Protein backbone atom coordinates (compact mmCIF):
# COMPACT_ATOMS: atom_id res chain seq x y z
CA MET A 1 -27.30 12.02 -13.10
CA GLU A 2 -25.41 13.32 -16.60
CA LYS A 3 -21.85 12.05 -17.52
CA ILE A 4 -19.20 13.97 -17.55
CA GLU A 5 -17.10 13.63 -20.69
CA GLY A 6 -14.23 15.26 -22.41
CA ASP A 7 -11.34 17.70 -21.16
CA ILE A 8 -12.58 18.30 -17.77
CA LEU A 9 -12.32 14.77 -17.37
CA LYS A 10 -8.73 14.59 -19.33
CA GLY A 11 -7.59 17.29 -16.84
CA ASN A 12 -8.32 15.34 -13.46
CA THR A 13 -7.39 12.05 -14.73
CA LEU A 14 -4.28 11.07 -12.73
CA THR A 15 -5.94 12.73 -9.48
CA LEU A 16 -8.19 10.38 -10.03
CA ILE A 17 -5.69 7.15 -10.60
CA LEU A 18 -3.36 8.17 -8.02
CA SER A 19 -6.34 8.91 -5.33
CA LEU A 20 -8.49 5.81 -6.19
CA ILE A 21 -5.11 3.31 -5.83
CA GLU A 22 -3.92 5.01 -3.09
CA GLY A 23 -5.63 2.82 -0.14
CA GLN A 24 -5.21 -0.25 -2.68
CA ALA A 25 -3.20 -1.76 -5.81
CA MET A 26 -5.69 -2.44 -8.73
CA TYR A 27 -6.17 -3.19 -12.21
CA GLY A 28 -6.67 -1.41 -15.17
CA LEU A 29 -10.59 -2.59 -15.52
CA GLU A 30 -11.11 -2.50 -11.75
CA ILE A 31 -10.51 1.06 -11.30
CA SER A 32 -12.67 1.96 -14.33
CA LYS A 33 -15.11 1.03 -12.62
CA GLU A 34 -14.40 1.97 -9.50
CA ILE A 35 -14.50 5.21 -10.38
CA ASN A 36 -17.66 4.97 -12.44
CA ARG A 37 -19.26 2.97 -9.18
CA ARG A 38 -17.93 5.89 -6.72
CA SER A 39 -18.98 8.81 -9.31
CA GLY A 40 -22.73 7.62 -8.99
CA GLY A 41 -22.45 6.77 -13.00
CA ALA A 42 -21.12 10.65 -13.97
CA LEU A 43 -17.77 9.80 -14.13
CA TYR A 44 -17.33 6.38 -17.17
CA PHE A 45 -13.25 6.25 -17.56
CA ARG A 46 -12.75 3.94 -21.43
CA GLU A 47 -9.73 1.66 -21.41
CA GLY A 48 -8.36 4.51 -24.00
CA LEU A 49 -8.51 6.45 -21.32
CA VAL A 50 -7.40 4.22 -18.28
CA TYR A 51 -4.41 2.49 -19.67
CA PRO A 52 -2.64 5.38 -21.16
CA ALA A 53 -2.89 7.28 -18.18
CA LEU A 54 -1.47 3.98 -16.35
CA HIS A 55 1.90 3.96 -18.72
CA TYR A 56 2.04 7.59 -17.71
CA LEU A 57 2.20 6.91 -14.38
CA GLU A 58 4.28 4.08 -14.73
CA LYS A 59 7.20 5.34 -16.60
CA GLY A 60 6.86 9.00 -14.29
CA GLY A 61 7.86 6.95 -11.22
CA LEU A 62 4.41 7.59 -9.81
CA ILE A 63 3.61 3.85 -9.86
CA GLU A 64 4.38 0.24 -10.29
CA GLY A 65 2.97 -2.51 -12.25
CA LYS A 66 2.55 -6.19 -11.36
CA TRP A 67 2.07 -8.76 -12.73
CA ARG A 68 -0.69 -11.96 -10.91
CA HIS A 69 -1.61 -14.78 -12.03
CA PHE A 70 -5.01 -16.62 -11.00
CA GLU A 71 -5.69 -20.12 -11.41
CA GLN A 72 -8.94 -19.07 -12.95
CA GLY A 73 -8.87 -15.94 -15.32
CA PRO A 74 -6.47 -13.69 -17.29
CA ARG A 75 -3.65 -12.50 -15.37
CA ARG A 76 -3.85 -9.07 -13.96
CA LYS A 77 -1.51 -6.17 -13.55
CA TYR A 78 -1.97 -4.61 -10.28
CA TYR A 79 -1.02 -0.88 -9.64
CA GLN A 80 0.52 0.60 -6.56
CA LEU A 81 1.35 4.02 -5.73
CA THR A 82 5.10 4.23 -4.95
CA PRO A 83 6.22 7.03 -2.33
CA ARG A 84 6.82 9.48 -4.92
CA GLY A 85 3.01 8.42 -5.94
CA LYS A 86 1.87 8.79 -2.47
CA ARG A 87 3.38 12.05 -2.46
CA GLU A 88 2.27 14.10 -5.82
CA ALA A 89 -1.14 11.75 -4.93
CA LYS A 90 -1.45 14.09 -1.59
CA LEU A 91 -0.47 16.97 -3.76
CA LEU A 92 -2.98 17.09 -6.26
CA ARG A 93 -5.83 16.37 -3.65
CA GLU A 94 -4.80 19.96 -2.10
CA LYS A 95 -4.63 21.94 -5.55
CA TRP A 96 -8.01 19.96 -6.56
CA SER A 97 -9.77 20.99 -3.17
CA THR A 98 -8.17 24.64 -3.53
CA PHE A 99 -9.22 24.45 -7.01
CA SER A 100 -12.70 23.20 -6.36
CA ALA A 101 -13.96 25.50 -3.56
CA ALA A 102 -12.52 28.64 -6.28
CA VAL A 103 -14.40 27.15 -8.55
CA ASN A 104 -17.72 26.56 -6.50
CA GLN A 105 -17.25 30.35 -5.40
CA VAL A 106 -17.53 31.85 -8.12
CA LEU A 107 -20.52 30.14 -8.83
CA LYS A 108 -21.83 30.76 -6.05
CA ASP A 109 -21.11 34.36 -6.28
CA GLN A 110 -22.73 34.22 -9.58
CA ASP A 111 -25.99 32.91 -8.58
CA SER A 112 -26.32 35.40 -5.58
CA HIS A 113 -25.58 38.23 -8.75
CA GLY A 114 -29.24 36.40 -9.95
CA ASN A 115 -27.58 35.75 -13.38
């Protein structure tokens, strides 16, 4: 499977992160790995993409981070959605669904015209 990179990935980063952590609190590297795993390797989020997005979401009040300390290994900051973040995640999923259906329809129509 071809990896998705560039603007199309950057333009959907917030939607992916919010939707992913909606189910459970996660830390940055875990978010990157889970997006990669769930996408079958098509979406690869480098730390340089994930952490600025997390800071942006936290500053905007959509997520909150809490440090967790472990006996083994480094402390990690786990992020979870705020009530506002839950509303935004739902809205972004709805927008994505509409957008992807419209794009698929355009592509389908293009294919049906033999181009």
